[in-house]
């Protein structure tokens, strides 16, 4: 873990906690909070990639439900990705 990843984790968690309940149910919030933590603690790009994929699928489901926009999804996914190893995006 690096200082930059820890700061990214704090930004992601703050962002997630600030999302209105109508836009994110408790179980979705928990999944995304866990994704931020798992990415922060990921020791490899493979580990981080698996978490990224799970979060990406969950966020896409929010878009498909009409509760989120693509912009909202992309913004949170970028915040989550910043929590992980630097080479995560090369695999995503």
C-alpha atoms as a PDB file:
ATOM      1  CA  UNK A   1       0.000   0.000   0.000  1.00  0.00           C
ATOM      2  CA  UNK A   2       1.198   3.499  -0.780  1.00  0.00           C
ATOM      3  CA  UNK A   3       0.191   6.913   0.492  1.00  0.00           C
ATOM      4  CA  UNK A   4      -1.430   7.690  -2.857  1.00  0.00           C
ATOM      5  CA  UNK A   5      -3.489   4.494  -2.719  1.00  0.00           C
ATOM      6  CA  UNK A   6      -4.564   5.246   0.851  1.00  0.00           C
ATOM      7  CA  UNK A   7      -5.656   8.753  -0.128  1.00  0.00           C
ATOM      8  CA  UNK A   8      -7.530   7.298  -3.113  1.00  0.00           C
ATOM      9  CA  UNK A   9      -9.220   4.835  -0.753  1.00  0.00           C
ATOM     10  CA  UNK A  10     -10.386   7.689   1.480  1.00  0.00           C
ATOM     11  CA  UNK A  11     -11.724   9.605  -1.550  1.00  0.00           C
ATOM     12  CA  UNK A  12     -13.562   6.537  -2.828  1.00  0.00           C
ATOM     13  CA  UNK A  13     -15.103   5.770   0.570  1.00  0.00           C
ATOM     14  CA  UNK A  14     -16.151   9.411   1.035  1.00  0.00           C
ATOM     15  CA  UNK A  15     -17.720   9.391  -2.413  1.00  0.00           C
ATOM     16  CA  UNK A  16     -19.594   6.142  -1.746  1.00  0.00           C
ATOM     17  CA  UNK A  17     -20.871   7.332   1.628  1.00  0.00           C
ATOM     18  CA  UNK A  18     -22.119  10.564   0.033  1.00  0.00           C
ATOM     19  CA  UNK A  19     -24.341   8.802  -2.503  1.00  0.00           C
ATOM     20  CA  UNK A  20     -28.042   9.120  -1.717  1.00  0.00           C
ATOM     21  CA  UNK A  21     -29.877   5.981  -0.559  1.00  0.00           C
ATOM     22  CA  UNK A  22     -32.123   6.171  -3.640  1.00  0.00           C
ATOM     23  CA  UNK A  23     -29.047   5.771  -5.834  1.00  0.00           C
ATOM     24  CA  UNK A  24     -27.305   3.083  -3.792  1.00  0.00           C
ATOM     25  CA  UNK A  25     -28.887   0.485  -1.527  1.00  0.00           C
ATOM     26  CA  UNK A  26     -27.110  -0.708   1.626  1.00  0.00           C
ATOM     27  CA  UNK A  27     -25.900  -3.992   0.112  1.00  0.00           C
ATOM     28  CA  UNK A  28     -24.553  -2.127  -2.942  1.00  0.00           C
ATOM     29  CA  UNK A  29     -22.804   0.404  -0.723  1.00  0.00           C
ATOM     30  CA  UNK A  30     -21.228  -2.433   1.252  1.00  0.00           C
ATOM     31  CA  UNK A  31     -20.050  -4.185  -1.918  1.00  0.00           C
ATOM     32  CA  UNK A  32     -18.428  -0.995  -3.206  1.00  0.00           C
ATOM     33  CA  UNK A  33     -16.886  -0.148   0.189  1.00  0.00           C
ATOM     34  CA  UNK A  34     -15.425  -3.656   0.280  1.00  0.00           C
ATOM     35  CA  UNK A  35     -14.120  -3.246  -3.259  1.00  0.00           C
ATOM     36  CA  UNK A  36     -12.283  -0.061  -2.258  1.00  0.00           C
ATOM     37  CA  UNK A  37     -10.715  -1.825   0.724  1.00  0.00           C
ATOM     38  CA  UNK A  38      -9.864  -4.958  -1.267  1.00  0.00           C
ATOM     39  CA  UNK A  39      -8.209  -2.856  -3.961  1.00  0.00           C
ATOM     40  CA  UNK A  40      -6.244  -0.927  -1.359  1.00  0.00           C
ATOM     41  CA  UNK A  41      -4.954  -4.157   0.171  1.00  0.00           C
ATOM     42  CA  UNK A  42      -4.465  -6.018  -3.125  1.00  0.00           C
ATOM     43  CA  UNK A  43      -0.949  -7.337  -3.414  1.00  0.00           C
ATOM     44  CA  UNK A  44      -1.065  -8.060  -7.124  1.00  0.00           C
ATOM     45  CA  UNK A  45      -2.645  -6.857 -10.316  1.00  0.00           C
ATOM     46  CA  UNK A  46      -4.431 -10.206 -10.673  1.00  0.00           C
ATOM     47  CA  UNK A  47      -6.060  -9.821  -7.274  1.00  0.00           C
ATOM     48  CA  UNK A  48      -7.017  -6.230  -8.054  1.00  0.00           C
ATOM     49  CA  UNK A  49      -8.346  -7.150 -11.488  1.00  0.00           C
ATOM     50  CA  UNK A  50     -10.815  -9.639  -9.964  1.00  0.00           C
ATOM     51  CA  UNK A  51     -12.110  -6.966  -7.568  1.00  0.00           C
ATOM     52  CA  UNK A  52     -12.272  -4.437 -10.410  1.00  0.00           C
ATOM     53  CA  UNK A  53     -14.377  -6.843 -12.482  1.00  0.00           C
ATOM     54  CA  UNK A  54     -16.829  -7.443  -9.622  1.00  0.00           C
ATOM     55  CA  UNK A  55     -17.211  -3.711  -8.987  1.00  0.00           C
ATOM     56  CA  UNK A  56     -17.521  -2.991 -12.702  1.00  0.00           C
ATOM     57  CA  UNK A  57     -20.332  -5.531 -13.082  1.00  0.00           C
ATOM     58  CA  UNK A  58     -22.174  -4.141 -10.045  1.00  0.00           C
ATOM     59  CA  UNK A  59     -21.864  -0.598 -11.365  1.00  0.00           C
ATOM     60  CA  UNK A  60     -23.025  -1.626 -14.836  1.00  0.00           C
ATOM     61  CA  UNK A  61     -26.102  -3.195 -13.247  1.00  0.00           C
ATOM     62  CA  UNK A  62     -26.848   0.154 -11.605  1.00  0.00           C
ATOM     63  CA  UNK A  63     -26.646   1.833 -15.011  1.00  0.00           C
ATOM     64  CA  UNK A  64     -28.884  -0.791 -16.592  1.00  0.00           C
ATOM     65  CA  UNK A  65     -31.427  -0.316 -13.791  1.00  0.00           C
ATOM     66  CA  UNK A  66     -31.667   3.370 -14.684  1.00  0.00           C
ATOM     67  CA  UNK A  67     -30.562   4.467 -11.211  1.00  0.00           C
ATOM     68  CA  UNK A  68     -27.094   5.517 -12.380  1.00  0.00           C
ATOM     69  CA  UNK A  69     -25.637   7.132 -15.470  1.00  0.00           C
ATOM     70  CA  UNK A  70     -22.530   5.995 -17.333  1.00  0.00           C
ATOM     71  CA  UNK A  71     -20.773   9.124 -16.037  1.00  0.00           C
ATOM     72  CA  UNK A  72     -21.535   8.185 -12.420  1.00  0.00           C
ATOM     73  CA  UNK A  73     -20.310   4.640 -13.042  1.00  0.00           C
ATOM     74  CA  UNK A  74     -17.091   5.785 -14.731  1.00  0.00           C
ATOM     75  CA  UNK A  75     -16.364   8.314 -11.996  1.00  0.00           C
ATOM     76  CA  UNK A  76     -16.673   5.788  -9.176  1.00  0.00           C
ATOM     77  CA  UNK A  77     -14.800   3.102 -11.089  1.00  0.00           C
ATOM     78  CA  UNK A  78     -11.904   5.535 -11.599  1.00  0.00           C
ATOM     79  CA  UNK A  79     -11.898   6.311  -7.866  1.00  0.00           C
ATOM     80  CA  UNK A  80     -11.896   2.594  -7.052  1.00  0.00           C
ATOM     81  CA  UNK A  81      -9.154   1.814  -9.576  1.00  0.00           C
ATOM     82  CA  UNK A  82      -6.930   4.454  -7.968  1.00  0.00           C
ATOM     83  CA  UNK A  83      -7.067   2.406  -4.740  1.00  0.00           C
ATOM     84  CA  UNK A  84      -5.366  -0.554  -6.408  1.00  0.00           C
ATOM     85  CA  UNK A  85      -1.900  -1.305  -7.733  1.00  0.00           C
ATOM     86  CA  UNK A  86      -0.658   1.105 -10.411  1.00  0.00           C
ATOM     87  CA  UNK A  87      -0.677  -1.596 -13.079  1.00  0.00           C
ATOM     88  CA  UNK A  88      -4.370  -2.426 -12.540  1.00  0.00           C
ATOM     89  CA  UNK A  89      -5.538  -0.328 -15.470  1.00  0.00           C
ATOM     90  CA  UNK A  90      -3.197  -2.204 -17.802  1.00  0.00           C
ATOM     91  CA  UNK A  91      -5.273  -5.329 -17.100  1.00  0.00           C
ATOM     92  CA  UNK A  92      -8.721  -3.720 -16.977  1.00  0.00           C
END
